C-alpha atoms as a PDB file:
ATOM      1  CA  UNK A   1       9.949 129.941 -15.707  1.00  0.00           C
ATOM      2  CA  UNK A   2      13.202 131.921 -15.857  1.00  0.00           C
ATOM      3  CA  UNK A   3      12.363 133.624 -12.565  1.00  0.00           C
ATOM      4  CA  UNK A   4      15.890 133.909 -11.180  1.00  0.00           C
ATOM      5  CA  UNK A   5      17.059 135.557 -14.398  1.00  0.00           C
ATOM      6  CA  UNK A   6      14.080 137.916 -14.282  1.00  0.00           C
ATOM      7  CA  UNK A   7      14.749 138.933 -10.678  1.00  0.00           C
ATOM      8  CA  UNK A   8      18.428 139.511 -11.457  1.00  0.00           C
ATOM      9  CA  UNK A   9      17.343 141.712 -14.362  1.00  0.00           C
ATOM     10  CA  UNK A  10      15.137 143.797 -12.036  1.00  0.00           C
ATOM     11  CA  UNK A  11      17.855 144.107  -9.406  1.00  0.00           C
ATOM     12  CA  UNK A  12      20.918 144.654 -11.580  1.00  0.00           C
ATOM     13  CA  UNK A  13      19.656 146.287 -14.782  1.00  0.00           C
ATOM     14  CA  UNK A  14      16.500 148.060 -13.638  1.00  0.00           C
ATOM     15  CA  UNK A  15      18.080 148.740 -10.238  1.00  0.00           C
ATOM     16  CA  UNK A  16      14.839 148.269  -8.361  1.00  0.00           C
ATOM     17  CA  UNK A  17      14.968 148.654  -4.599  1.00  0.00           C
ATOM     18  CA  UNK A  18      14.774 145.554  -2.356  1.00  0.00           C
ATOM     19  CA  UNK A  19      11.246 146.628  -1.363  1.00  0.00           C
ATOM     20  CA  UNK A  20      10.071 146.833  -4.999  1.00  0.00           C
ATOM     21  CA  UNK A  21      11.825 143.590  -5.869  1.00  0.00           C
ATOM     22  CA  UNK A  22      10.057 141.829  -2.993  1.00  0.00           C
ATOM     23  CA  UNK A  23       6.690 143.090  -4.286  1.00  0.00           C
ATOM     24  CA  UNK A  24       7.452 141.714  -7.771  1.00  0.00           C
ATOM     25  CA  UNK A  25       8.451 138.359  -6.321  1.00  0.00           C
ATOM     26  CA  UNK A  26       5.262 138.146  -4.256  1.00  0.00           C
ATOM     27  CA  UNK A  27       3.074 139.019  -7.251  1.00  0.00           C
ATOM     28  CA  UNK A  28       4.719 136.435  -9.502  1.00  0.00           C
ATOM     29  CA  UNK A  29       4.546 133.753  -6.800  1.00  0.00           C
ATOM     30  CA  UNK A  30       0.838 134.420  -6.196  1.00  0.00           C
ATOM     31  CA  UNK A  31       0.137 134.240  -9.918  1.00  0.00           C
ATOM     32  CA  UNK A  32       1.898 130.907 -10.445  1.00  0.00           C
ATOM     33  CA  UNK A  33       0.344 129.451  -7.293  1.00  0.00           C
ATOM     34  CA  UNK A  34      -3.059 130.330  -8.732  1.00  0.00           C
ATOM     35  CA  UNK A  35      -2.208 128.769 -12.110  1.00  0.00           C
ATOM     36  CA  UNK A  36      -1.042 125.559 -10.464  1.00  0.00           C
ATOM     37  CA  UNK A  37      -4.047 125.293  -8.169  1.00  0.00           C
ATOM     38  CA  UNK A  38      -6.800 126.239 -10.620  1.00  0.00           C
ATOM     39  CA  UNK A  39      -5.446 125.010 -13.961  1.00  0.00           C
ATOM     40  CA  UNK A  40      -2.488 122.732 -13.148  1.00  0.00           C
ATOM     41  CA  UNK A  41      -0.344 124.979 -15.330  1.00  0.00           C
ATOM     42  CA  UNK A  42       3.376 125.050 -14.567  1.00  0.00           C
ATOM     43  CA  UNK A  43       4.764 126.293 -17.887  1.00  0.00           C
ATOM     44  CA  UNK A  44       4.525 130.024 -18.688  1.00  0.00           C
ATOM     45  CA  UNK A  45       4.107 129.185 -22.385  1.00  0.00           C
ATOM     46  CA  UNK A  46       0.734 127.550 -21.658  1.00  0.00           C
ATOM     47  CA  UNK A  47      -0.750 130.693 -20.096  1.00  0.00           C
ATOM     48  CA  UNK A  48      -3.329 132.637 -22.110  1.00  0.00           C
ATOM     49  CA  UNK A  49      -5.159 135.886 -21.444  1.00  0.00           C
ATOM     50  CA  UNK A  50      -8.096 133.870 -20.103  1.00  0.00           C
ATOM     51  CA  UNK A  51      -6.137 132.511 -17.145  1.00  0.00           C
ATOM     52  CA  UNK A  52      -4.834 135.994 -16.378  1.00  0.00           C
ATOM     53  CA  UNK A  53      -8.370 137.425 -16.488  1.00  0.00           C
ATOM     54  CA  UNK A  54      -9.534 134.613 -14.240  1.00  0.00           C
ATOM     55  CA  UNK A  55      -6.817 135.493 -11.722  1.00  0.00           C
ATOM     56  CA  UNK A  56      -7.876 139.148 -11.875  1.00  0.00           C
ATOM     57  CA  UNK A  57     -11.507 138.210 -11.157  1.00  0.00           C
ATOM     58  CA  UNK A  58     -10.479 136.014  -8.230  1.00  0.00           C
ATOM     59  CA  UNK A  59      -8.535 138.931  -6.748  1.00  0.00           C
ATOM     60  CA  UNK A  60     -11.601 141.146  -7.056  1.00  0.00           C
ATOM     61  CA  UNK A  61     -13.765 138.512  -5.386  1.00  0.00           C
ATOM     62  CA  UNK A  62     -11.275 138.416  -2.516  1.00  0.00           C
ATOM     63  CA  UNK A  63     -11.738 142.175  -2.021  1.00  0.00           C
ATOM     64  CA  UNK A  64      -8.254 143.072  -3.253  1.00  0.00           C
ATOM     65  CA  UNK A  65      -8.193 146.786  -4.091  1.00  0.00           C
ATOM     66  CA  UNK A  66      -8.223 147.912  -7.720  1.00  0.00           C
ATOM     67  CA  UNK A  67      -4.949 149.724  -7.203  1.00  0.00           C
ATOM     68  CA  UNK A  68      -3.259 146.564  -5.920  1.00  0.00           C
ATOM     69  CA  UNK A  69      -4.678 144.478  -8.779  1.00  0.00           C
ATOM     70  CA  UNK A  70      -3.282 146.962 -11.297  1.00  0.00           C
ATOM     71  CA  UNK A  71       0.106 146.743  -9.644  1.00  0.00           C
ATOM     72  CA  UNK A  72       0.069 142.953  -9.914  1.00  0.00           C
ATOM     73  CA  UNK A  73      -0.925 143.154 -13.588  1.00  0.00           C
ATOM     74  CA  UNK A  74       1.868 145.658 -14.153  1.00  0.00           C
ATOM     75  CA  UNK A  75       4.267 143.082 -12.715  1.00  0.00           C
ATOM     76  CA  UNK A  76       3.031 140.542 -15.262  1.00  0.00           C
ATOM     77  CA  UNK A  77       3.425 143.070 -18.094  1.00  0.00           C
ATOM     78  CA  UNK A  78       7.042 143.624 -17.127  1.00  0.00           C
ATOM     79  CA  UNK A  79       7.620 139.872 -16.855  1.00  0.00           C
ATOM     80  CA  UNK A  80       6.172 139.114 -20.303  1.00  0.00           C
ATOM     81  CA  UNK A  81       8.113 141.943 -21.932  1.00  0.00           C
ATOM     82  CA  UNK A  82      11.246 140.426 -20.416  1.00  0.00           C
ATOM     83  CA  UNK A  83      10.388 136.950 -21.743  1.00  0.00           C
ATOM     84  CA  UNK A  84       9.474 138.231 -25.210  1.00  0.00           C
ATOM     85  CA  UNK A  85      12.660 140.252 -25.515  1.00  0.00           C
ATOM     86  CA  UNK A  86      14.694 137.116 -24.891  1.00  0.00           C
ATOM     87  CA  UNK A  87      12.556 134.926 -27.128  1.00  0.00           C
ATOM     88  CA  UNK A  88      11.395 132.657 -24.314  1.00  0.00           C
ATOM     89  CA  UNK A  89       7.716 133.125 -25.206  1.00  0.00           C
ATOM     90  CA  UNK A  90       6.138 133.754 -28.618  1.00  0.00           C
ATOM     91  CA  UNK A  91       3.085 135.784 -27.543  1.00  0.00           C
ATOM     92  CA  UNK A  92       2.178 138.305 -24.885  1.00  0.00           C
ATOM     93  CA  UNK A  93      -1.249 137.446 -23.422  1.00  0.00           C
ATOM     94  CA  UNK A  94      -1.237 140.699 -21.438  1.00  0.00           C
ATOM     95  CA  UNK A  95      -2.111 142.551 -24.651  1.00  0.00           C
ATOM     96  CA  UNK A  96      -5.656 141.169 -24.352  1.00  0.00           C
ATOM     97  CA  UNK A  97      -6.037 141.985 -20.661  1.00  0.00           C
ATOM     98  CA  UNK A  98      -7.766 145.256 -19.791  1.00  0.00           C
ATOM     99  CA  UNK A  99      -6.780 146.607 -16.399  1.00  0.00           C
ATOM    100  CA  UNK A 100      -9.596 147.832 -14.121  1.00  0.00           C
ATOM    101  CA  UNK A 101     -10.035 151.581 -13.802  1.00  0.00           C
ATOM    102  CA  UNK A 102      -8.790 153.188 -10.627  1.00  0.00           C
ATOM    103  CA  UNK A 103     -10.459 156.233  -9.148  1.00  0.00           C
ATOM    104  CA  UNK A 104      -8.071 159.134  -8.746  1.00  0.00           C
ATOM    105  CA  UNK A 105      -6.878 159.203  -5.147  1.00  0.00           C
ATOM    106  CA  UNK A 106      -6.047 162.705  -4.034  1.00  0.00           C
ATOM    107  CA  UNK A 107      -2.988 163.196  -1.839  1.00  0.00           C
ATOM    108  CA  UNK A 108      -3.553 163.834   1.854  1.00  0.00           C
ATOM    109  CA  UNK A 109      -1.505 166.721   3.219  1.00  0.00           C
ATOM    110  CA  UNK A 110      -1.022 168.857   6.315  1.00  0.00           C
ATOM    111  CA  UNK A 111      -2.208 172.486   5.934  1.00  0.00           C
ATOM    112  CA  UNK A 112       0.505 175.145   5.809  1.00  0.00           C
ATOM    113  CA  UNK A 113      -0.585 176.801   9.032  1.00  0.00           C
ATOM    114  CA  UNK A 114      -0.293 173.477  10.875  1.00  0.00           C
ATOM    115  CA  UNK A 115       3.254 172.957   9.615  1.00  0.00           C
ATOM    116  CA  UNK A 116       4.170 176.506  10.616  1.00  0.00           C
ATOM    117  CA  UNK A 117       2.755 175.888  14.075  1.00  0.00           C
ATOM    118  CA  UNK A 118       4.826 172.720  14.419  1.00  0.00           C
ATOM    119  CA  UNK A 119       8.091 174.525  13.749  1.00  0.00           C
ATOM    120  CA  UNK A 120       7.311 177.794  15.518  1.00  0.00           C
ATOM    121  CA  UNK A 121       5.255 176.801  18.581  1.00  0.00           C
ATOM    122  CA  UNK A 122       6.144 173.206  19.418  1.00  0.00           C
ATOM    123  CA  UNK A 123       8.965 172.815  21.918  1.00  0.00           C
ATOM    124  CA  UNK A 124      11.362 170.098  20.807  1.00  0.00           C
ATOM    125  CA  UNK A 125      13.547 168.525  23.479  1.00  0.00           C
ATOM    126  CA  UNK A 126      16.920 170.099  24.193  1.00  0.00           C
ATOM    127  CA  UNK A 127      20.062 168.350  23.063  1.00  0.00           C
ATOM    128  CA  UNK A 128      20.962 166.074  20.173  1.00  0.00           C
ATOM    129  CA  UNK A 129      17.759 163.996  20.059  1.00  0.00           C
ATOM    130  CA  UNK A 130      15.401 166.952  19.894  1.00  0.00           C
ATOM    131  CA  UNK A 131      17.486 168.695  17.255  1.00  0.00           C
ATOM    132  CA  UNK A 132      17.771 165.492  15.196  1.00  0.00           C
ATOM    133  CA  UNK A 133      14.023 164.875  15.342  1.00  0.00           C
ATOM    134  CA  UNK A 134      13.252 168.426  14.259  1.00  0.00           C
ATOM    135  CA  UNK A 135      15.772 168.177  11.421  1.00  0.00           C
ATOM    136  CA  UNK A 136      14.129 164.992  10.125  1.00  0.00           C
ATOM    137  CA  UNK A 137      10.839 166.872   9.850  1.00  0.00           C
ATOM    138  CA  UNK A 138      12.433 169.988   8.365  1.00  0.00           C
ATOM    139  CA  UNK A 139      14.322 168.114   5.652  1.00  0.00           C
ATOM    140  CA  UNK A 140      11.302 166.034   4.636  1.00  0.00           C
ATOM    141  CA  UNK A 141       9.011 169.066   4.479  1.00  0.00           C
ATOM    142  CA  UNK A 142      11.553 171.473   2.949  1.00  0.00           C
ATOM    143  CA  UNK A 143      12.688 169.153   0.152  1.00  0.00           C
ATOM    144  CA  UNK A 144       9.868 166.652  -0.408  1.00  0.00           C
ATOM    145  CA  UNK A 145      12.319 163.765  -0.436  1.00  0.00           C
ATOM    146  CA  UNK A 146      11.214 160.181   0.091  1.00  0.00           C
ATOM    147  CA  UNK A 147      11.812 158.203   3.274  1.00  0.00           C
ATOM    148  CA  UNK A 148      14.475 156.025   1.611  1.00  0.00           C
ATOM    149  CA  UNK A 149      16.199 159.123   0.227  1.00  0.00           C
ATOM    150  CA  UNK A 150      16.361 160.695   3.680  1.00  0.00           C
ATOM    151  CA  UNK A 151      17.852 157.577   5.239  1.00  0.00           C
ATOM    152  CA  UNK A 152      20.620 157.404   2.621  1.00  0.00           C
ATOM    153  CA  UNK A 153      21.359 161.150   2.567  1.00  0.00           C
ATOM    154  CA  UNK A 154      25.037 161.648   3.382  1.00  0.00           C
ATOM    155  CA  UNK A 155      26.858 164.593   4.922  1.00  0.00           C
ATOM    156  CA  UNK A 156      28.771 165.136   1.688  1.00  0.00           C
ATOM    157  CA  UNK A 157      25.481 165.432  -0.199  1.00  0.00           C
ATOM    158  CA  UNK A 158      24.850 168.775   1.516  1.00  0.00           C
ATOM    159  CA  UNK A 159      26.216 171.721  -0.481  1.00  0.00           C
ATOM    160  CA  UNK A 160      26.191 174.610   1.991  1.00  0.00           C
ATOM    161  CA  UNK A 161      27.742 177.024  -0.499  1.00  0.00           C
ATOM    162  CA  UNK A 162      25.112 176.583  -3.226  1.00  0.00           C
ATOM    163  CA  UNK A 163      22.323 175.712  -0.771  1.00  0.00           C
ATOM    164  CA  UNK A 164      21.357 172.442  -2.432  1.00  0.00           C
ATOM    165  CA  UNK A 165      21.097 168.747  -1.628  1.00  0.00           C
ATOM    166  CA  UNK A 166      22.171 165.906  -3.882  1.00  0.00           C
ATOM    167  CA  UNK A 167      19.483 163.245  -3.594  1.00  0.00           C
ATOM    168  CA  UNK A 168      19.813 159.685  -4.858  1.00  0.00           C
ATOM    169  CA  UNK A 169      16.306 158.698  -5.948  1.00  0.00           C
ATOM    170  CA  UNK A 170      14.589 155.717  -7.520  1.00  0.00           C
ATOM    171  CA  UNK A 171      16.648 153.821 -10.072  1.00  0.00           C
ATOM    172  CA  UNK A 172      19.793 155.482  -8.669  1.00  0.00           C
ATOM    173  CA  UNK A 173      18.839 158.739 -10.394  1.00  0.00           C
ATOM    174  CA  UNK A 174      20.419 161.810  -8.851  1.00  0.00           C
ATOM    175  CA  UNK A 175      18.700 165.170  -8.555  1.00  0.00           C
ATOM    176  CA  UNK A 176      19.601 168.489  -6.959  1.00  0.00           C
ATOM    177  CA  UNK A 177      17.075 170.124  -4.648  1.00  0.00           C
ATOM    178  CA  UNK A 178      17.578 173.652  -3.276  1.00  0.00           C
ATOM    179  CA  UNK A 179      17.013 174.608   0.332  1.00  0.00           C
ATOM    180  CA  UNK A 180      16.846 177.872   2.277  1.00  0.00           C
ATOM    181  CA  UNK A 181      19.080 179.499   4.868  1.00  0.00           C
ATOM    182  CA  UNK A 182      16.952 178.316   7.820  1.00  0.00           C
ATOM    183  CA  UNK A 183      17.592 174.692   6.863  1.00  0.00           C
ATOM    184  CA  UNK A 184      21.276 175.453   6.300  1.00  0.00           C
ATOM    185  CA  UNK A 185      21.576 176.772   9.849  1.00  0.00           C
ATOM    186  CA  UNK A 186      19.607 173.823  11.223  1.00  0.00           C
ATOM    187  CA  UNK A 187      21.916 171.295   9.538  1.00  0.00           C
ATOM    188  CA  UNK A 188      25.063 173.129  10.658  1.00  0.00           C
ATOM    189  CA  UNK A 189      23.861 173.338  14.253  1.00  0.00           C
ATOM    190  CA  UNK A 190      22.931 169.666  14.174  1.00  0.00           C
ATOM    191  CA  UNK A 191      26.349 168.631  12.814  1.00  0.00           C
ATOM    192  CA  UNK A 192      28.098 170.613  15.573  1.00  0.00           C
ATOM    193  CA  UNK A 193      25.960 168.959  18.244  1.00  0.00           C
ATOM    194  CA  UNK A 194      26.391 165.534  16.619  1.00  0.00           C
ATOM    195  CA  UNK A 195      30.195 165.819  16.708  1.00  0.00           C
ATOM    196  CA  UNK A 196      30.050 166.506  20.453  1.00  0.00           C
ATOM    197  CA  UNK A 197      27.537 163.725  21.113  1.00  0.00           C
ATOM    198  CA  UNK A 198      29.544 160.825  19.677  1.00  0.00           C
ATOM    199  CA  UNK A 199      33.218 159.990  20.067  1.00  0.00           C
ATOM    200  CA  UNK A 200      33.215 156.968  17.759  1.00  0.00           C
ATOM    201  CA  UNK A 201      33.411 157.090  13.981  1.00  0.00           C
ATOM    202  CA  UNK A 202      29.961 157.737  12.554  1.00  0.00           C
ATOM    203  CA  UNK A 203      28.452 156.399   9.316  1.00  0.00           C
ATOM    204  CA  UNK A 204      28.546 158.709   6.274  1.00  0.00           C
ATOM    205  CA  UNK A 205      24.807 159.364   6.572  1.00  0.00           C
ATOM    206  CA  UNK A 206      23.744 162.800   7.787  1.00  0.00           C
ATOM    207  CA  UNK A 207      21.084 161.628  10.227  1.00  0.00           C
ATOM    208  CA  UNK A 208      21.804 158.974  12.836  1.00  0.00           C
ATOM    209  CA  UNK A 209      19.981 157.225  15.677  1.00  0.00           C
ATOM    210  CA  UNK A 210      20.460 157.874  19.383  1.00  0.00           C
ATOM    211  CA  UNK A 211      23.326 155.351  19.271  1.00  0.00           C
ATOM    212  CA  UNK A 212      25.028 156.949  16.287  1.00  0.00           C
ATOM    213  CA  UNK A 213      23.864 154.347  13.790  1.00  0.00           C
ATOM    214  CA  UNK A 214      22.258 154.770  10.363  1.00  0.00           C
ATOM    215  CA  UNK A 215      18.527 155.522  10.502  1.00  0.00           C
ATOM    216  CA  UNK A 216      16.010 152.819   9.586  1.00  0.00           C
ATOM    217  CA  UNK A 217      12.471 153.227   8.184  1.00  0.00           C
ATOM    218  CA  UNK A 218      10.540 152.424  11.381  1.00  0.00           C
ATOM    219  CA  UNK A 219      12.582 154.970  13.335  1.00  0.00           C
ATOM    220  CA  UNK A 220      11.758 157.763  10.884  1.00  0.00           C
ATOM    221  CA  UNK A 221       8.108 156.725  10.611  1.00  0.00           C
ATOM    222  CA  UNK A 222       7.627 156.740  14.393  1.00  0.00           C
ATOM    223  CA  UNK A 223       9.380 160.089  14.712  1.00  0.00           C
ATOM    224  CA  UNK A 224       7.211 161.746  12.071  1.00  0.00           C
ATOM    225  CA  UNK A 225       4.018 160.224  13.469  1.00  0.00           C
ATOM    226  CA  UNK A 226       4.866 161.413  16.985  1.00  0.00           C
ATOM    227  CA  UNK A 227       5.241 165.067  16.031  1.00  0.00           C
ATOM    228  CA  UNK A 228       2.567 165.296  13.342  1.00  0.00           C
ATOM    229  CA  UNK A 229       0.086 163.973  15.901  1.00  0.00           C
ATOM    230  CA  UNK A 230       0.493 167.273  17.754  1.00  0.00           C
ATOM    231  CA  UNK A 231      -0.689 169.426  14.830  1.00  0.00           C
ATOM    232  CA  UNK A 232      -2.974 167.329  12.594  1.00  0.00           C
ATOM    233  CA  UNK A 233      -5.736 164.750  12.759  1.00  0.00           C
ATOM    234  CA  UNK A 234      -5.114 163.128   9.348  1.00  0.00           C
ATOM    235  CA  UNK A 235      -5.314 159.356   9.628  1.00  0.00           C
ATOM    236  CA  UNK A 236      -1.935 158.563   8.135  1.00  0.00           C
ATOM    237  CA  UNK A 237       0.906 160.531   9.685  1.00  0.00           C
ATOM    238  CA  UNK A 238       3.776 159.148   7.628  1.00  0.00           C
ATOM    239  CA  UNK A 239       6.906 160.673   6.064  1.00  0.00           C
ATOM    240  CA  UNK A 240       5.117 160.524   2.700  1.00  0.00           C
ATOM    241  CA  UNK A 241       2.475 162.941   4.034  1.00  0.00           C
ATOM    242  CA  UNK A 242       5.241 165.527   4.360  1.00  0.00           C
ATOM    243  CA  UNK A 243       6.199 164.858   0.727  1.00  0.00           C
ATOM    244  CA  UNK A 244       2.565 165.456  -0.270  1.00  0.00           C
ATOM    245  CA  UNK A 245       2.474 168.596   1.862  1.00  0.00           C
ATOM    246  CA  UNK A 246       5.666 169.909   0.256  1.00  0.00           C
ATOM    247  CA  UNK A 247       4.268 169.441  -3.267  1.00  0.00           C
ATOM    248  CA  UNK A 248       0.780 170.715  -2.463  1.00  0.00           C
ATOM    249  CA  UNK A 249       2.048 173.866  -0.777  1.00  0.00           C
ATOM    250  CA  UNK A 250       4.327 174.561  -3.749  1.00  0.00           C
ATOM    251  CA  UNK A 251       1.412 174.109  -6.127  1.00  0.00           C
ATOM    252  CA  UNK A 252      -0.847 176.320  -4.016  1.00  0.00           C
ATOM    253  CA  UNK A 253       1.880 178.959  -4.074  1.00  0.00           C
ATOM    254  CA  UNK A 254       1.902 179.005  -7.870  1.00  0.00           C
ATOM    255  CA  UNK A 255       4.973 176.861  -8.561  1.00  0.00           C
ATOM    256  CA  UNK A 256       5.300 175.516 -12.110  1.00  0.00           C
ATOM    257  CA  UNK A 257       4.191 171.883 -12.375  1.00  0.00           C
ATOM    258  CA  UNK A 258       7.355 170.874 -14.230  1.00  0.00           C
ATOM    259  CA  UNK A 259       9.461 172.396 -11.458  1.00  0.00           C
ATOM    260  CA  UNK A 260       7.558 170.388  -8.837  1.00  0.00           C
ATOM    261  CA  UNK A 261       8.084 167.276 -10.960  1.00  0.00           C
ATOM    262  CA  UNK A 262      11.852 167.813 -10.954  1.00  0.00           C
ATOM    263  CA  UNK A 263      11.966 168.547  -7.231  1.00  0.00           C
ATOM    264  CA  UNK A 264      10.038 165.369  -6.427  1.00  0.00           C
ATOM    265  CA  UNK A 265      12.071 163.245  -8.823  1.00  0.00           C
ATOM    266  CA  UNK A 266       9.018 162.014 -10.729  1.00  0.00           C
ATOM    267  CA  UNK A 267       9.710 160.164 -13.972  1.00  0.00           C
ATOM    268  CA  UNK A 268       6.745 161.742 -15.767  1.00  0.00           C
ATOM    269  CA  UNK A 269       4.395 164.675 -15.325  1.00  0.00           C
ATOM    270  CA  UNK A 270       1.267 162.563 -14.825  1.00  0.00           C
ATOM    271  CA  UNK A 271       2.497 161.546 -11.380  1.00  0.00           C
ATOM    272  CA  UNK A 272       2.764 165.206 -10.404  1.00  0.00           C
ATOM    273  CA  UNK A 273      -0.580 166.360 -11.761  1.00  0.00           C
ATOM    274  CA  UNK A 274      -2.500 165.065  -8.738  1.00  0.00           C
ATOM    275  CA  UNK A 275      -1.257 168.096  -6.823  1.00  0.00           C
ATOM    276  CA  UNK A 276      -3.019 170.541  -9.131  1.00  0.00           C
ATOM    277  CA  UNK A 277      -6.418 169.456  -7.800  1.00  0.00           C
ATOM    278  CA  UNK A 278      -5.728 170.951  -4.390  1.00  0.00           C
ATOM    279  CA  UNK A 279      -4.547 174.153  -6.057  1.00  0.00           C
ATOM    280  CA  UNK A 280      -7.786 174.384  -8.037  1.00  0.00           C
ATOM    281  CA  UNK A 281      -9.800 173.874  -4.853  1.00  0.00           C
ATOM    282  CA  UNK A 282      -7.807 176.698  -3.254  1.00  0.00           C
ATOM    283  CA  UNK A 283      -8.530 178.962  -6.228  1.00  0.00           C
ATOM    284  CA  UNK A 284     -12.234 178.146  -5.981  1.00  0.00           C
ATOM    285  CA  UNK A 285     -12.200 179.083  -2.316  1.00  0.00           C
ATOM    286  CA  UNK A 286     -10.475 182.399  -3.049  1.00  0.00           C
ATOM    287  CA  UNK A 287     -12.889 183.107  -5.903  1.00  0.00           C
ATOM    288  CA  UNK A 288     -15.945 182.440  -3.757  1.00  0.00           C
ATOM    289  CA  UNK A 289     -14.643 184.712  -1.012  1.00  0.00           C
ATOM    290  CA  UNK A 290     -13.311 187.557  -3.135  1.00  0.00           C
ATOM    291  CA  UNK A 291     -15.500 187.838  -6.251  1.00  0.00           C
ATOM    292  CA  UNK A 292     -18.980 189.475  -6.111  1.00  0.00           C
ATOM    293  CA  UNK A 293     -20.422 186.566  -8.072  1.00  0.00           C
ATOM    294  CA  UNK A 294     -18.474 183.950  -6.168  1.00  0.00           C
ATOM    295  CA  UNK A 295     -21.067 183.043  -3.566  1.00  0.00           C
ATOM    296  CA  UNK A 296     -23.639 182.474  -6.299  1.00  0.00           C
ATOM    297  CA  UNK A 297     -21.670 179.419  -7.428  1.00  0.00           C
ATOM    298  CA  UNK A 298     -22.848 177.532  -4.336  1.00  0.00           C
ATOM    299  CA  UNK A 299     -26.354 178.694  -3.350  1.00  0.00           C
END
């Protein structure tokens, strides 16, 4: 089935993250397990669009979400393109498979006033830990970077002179994101406190744990959840919510959509357009409050 070669292609040429690679491996394994169990098929060349559709239906019957099903089908599309390019299959059955429609899921975000209250009213603990925790929140909200990008952010990626961060995003693509003087001062104060906190040689990463080690995802997630719980009741209080909040607040403030796209490191504009919905809702609210005819829109 050429799976090892395919996975090496994803890891080395496409430069997918270990998390993404694991998802691809799980999807492919589930698909071939289904083929073997239902049709006794073990050769990829024997698969037609009918078996793929059958797998899709079985996923639906097992209450798998439409979004997840589309991701699994996307994995198969990538796999077949890989096989076709190398001449290991003659046809692509995915061309006859129609993916189910997914309802547009709007991003959940924390209102601006709640974020302001977190940074102005909440009392973070004194010392290194409190300053580090606050800085995690400030960087995520001020730059919109992803969790993985925050963890890998190094001290040398901070350009204090030009007030910008060099962020290594998906596919090892670099982007520059500006930041303001308040964040500059916060990082400088943190670095001074960090140098006094630890005597041993620290990793190159900017943010470290209480023991001076590189951050890990669960640590950041728990930190963000802890503090967001004090200012918001949204169900999911993850680092990605701060990314959504960053983008939504920019959009509400009138930022150009292409600029938001570049700041977020999106590959295409369609991924960024979800943030315009919240801006439109904000405009509707302002219109209804400020225009004489506004209230007539909702009798």
